[in-house]
């Protein structure tokens, strides 16, 4: 006997990222950057930006790149999301 789809139980997805806990890192330098993060290496190409959780700002390499002016940090919000169009 098949159970109808509306009767099947699904695990509830938890939101793991708070909208206010997101920052954008933008590579302002003239070279591609390799970030050595605890989760693995991440390549941030020149002129590109990527979203991260705000706790990345505590990472020593990110702090050094920010102090050197090679990356810019922007707080994320729905209204200021640079990838949204319209």
Protein backbone atom coordinates (compact mmCIF):
# COMPACT_ATOMS: atom_id res chain seq x y z
CA UNK A 1 0.00 0.00 0.00
CA UNK A 2 1.36 3.42 -0.95
CA UNK A 3 1.07 6.31 1.43
CA UNK A 4 -0.15 9.53 -0.24
CA UNK A 5 2.45 12.29 -0.43
CA UNK A 6 0.60 14.61 1.92
CA UNK A 7 0.71 11.96 4.67
CA UNK A 8 4.43 11.29 4.46
CA UNK A 9 6.41 12.94 7.18
CA UNK A 10 9.40 15.05 6.27
CA UNK A 11 12.06 16.43 8.53
CA UNK A 12 11.65 20.15 9.11
CA UNK A 13 14.48 22.18 7.61
CA UNK A 14 16.13 24.50 10.07
CA UNK A 15 17.45 27.84 8.94
CA UNK A 16 21.11 27.84 9.77
CA UNK A 17 21.93 31.36 8.58
CA UNK A 18 20.43 34.44 10.12
CA UNK A 19 19.99 37.25 7.58
CA UNK A 20 21.75 39.63 9.96
CA UNK A 21 24.66 37.22 10.39
CA UNK A 22 25.79 37.44 6.74
CA UNK A 23 28.57 39.58 5.26
CA UNK A 24 29.88 40.03 1.75
CA UNK A 25 33.63 39.80 1.13
CA UNK A 26 34.77 41.57 -2.03
CA UNK A 27 38.24 41.15 -3.49
CA UNK A 28 39.55 44.64 -4.29
CA UNK A 29 43.09 43.54 -5.05
CA UNK A 30 44.65 42.86 -8.44
CA UNK A 31 45.18 39.14 -7.78
CA UNK A 32 43.04 36.13 -6.95
CA UNK A 33 42.98 35.19 -3.27
CA UNK A 34 43.02 31.75 -1.69
CA UNK A 35 41.40 31.81 1.74
CA UNK A 36 42.57 28.98 4.00
CA UNK A 37 39.41 28.49 6.04
CA UNK A 38 38.69 25.80 8.64
CA UNK A 39 36.21 24.23 6.21
CA UNK A 40 38.78 24.15 3.38
CA UNK A 41 40.32 26.44 0.81
CA UNK A 42 38.19 29.02 -0.98
CA UNK A 43 39.25 31.00 -4.04
CA UNK A 44 38.00 34.58 -4.24
CA UNK A 45 38.79 35.91 -7.70
CA UNK A 46 39.72 39.55 -8.18
CA UNK A 47 36.75 41.84 -8.52
CA UNK A 48 34.37 39.17 -7.20
CA UNK A 49 32.34 39.02 -3.99
CA UNK A 50 30.94 36.16 -1.96
CA UNK A 51 28.61 35.79 1.03
CA UNK A 52 29.91 34.36 4.28
CA UNK A 53 28.72 34.14 7.85
CA UNK A 54 29.93 37.08 9.91
CA UNK A 55 32.19 34.89 12.06
CA UNK A 56 34.64 34.75 9.12
CA UNK A 57 35.74 38.24 10.19
CA UNK A 58 37.47 36.64 13.20
CA UNK A 59 39.70 34.52 10.94
CA UNK A 60 43.31 35.83 11.06
CA UNK A 61 43.86 35.69 7.28
CA UNK A 62 40.65 37.59 6.60
CA UNK A 63 41.61 40.20 9.21
CA UNK A 64 45.04 40.64 7.60
CA UNK A 65 43.55 41.00 4.10
CA UNK A 66 41.02 43.51 5.39
CA UNK A 67 43.73 45.56 7.14
CA UNK A 68 45.82 45.51 3.95
CA UNK A 69 42.85 46.82 1.95
CA UNK A 70 42.70 43.79 -0.33
CA UNK A 71 39.14 42.90 0.64
CA UNK A 72 36.11 44.97 1.54
CA UNK A 73 33.47 43.76 3.98
CA UNK A 74 29.82 44.73 3.59
CA UNK A 75 26.96 43.77 5.85
CA UNK A 76 24.23 41.88 4.04
CA UNK A 77 20.57 42.72 4.13
CA UNK A 78 17.70 41.95 1.79
CA UNK A 79 17.57 45.53 0.55
CA UNK A 80 21.34 45.82 0.02
CA UNK A 81 21.99 42.38 -1.53
CA UNK A 82 24.26 43.07 -4.54
CA UNK A 83 23.08 39.93 -6.38
CA UNK A 84 19.41 40.86 -6.35
CA UNK A 85 18.01 42.46 -9.44
CA UNK A 86 14.80 44.36 -9.84
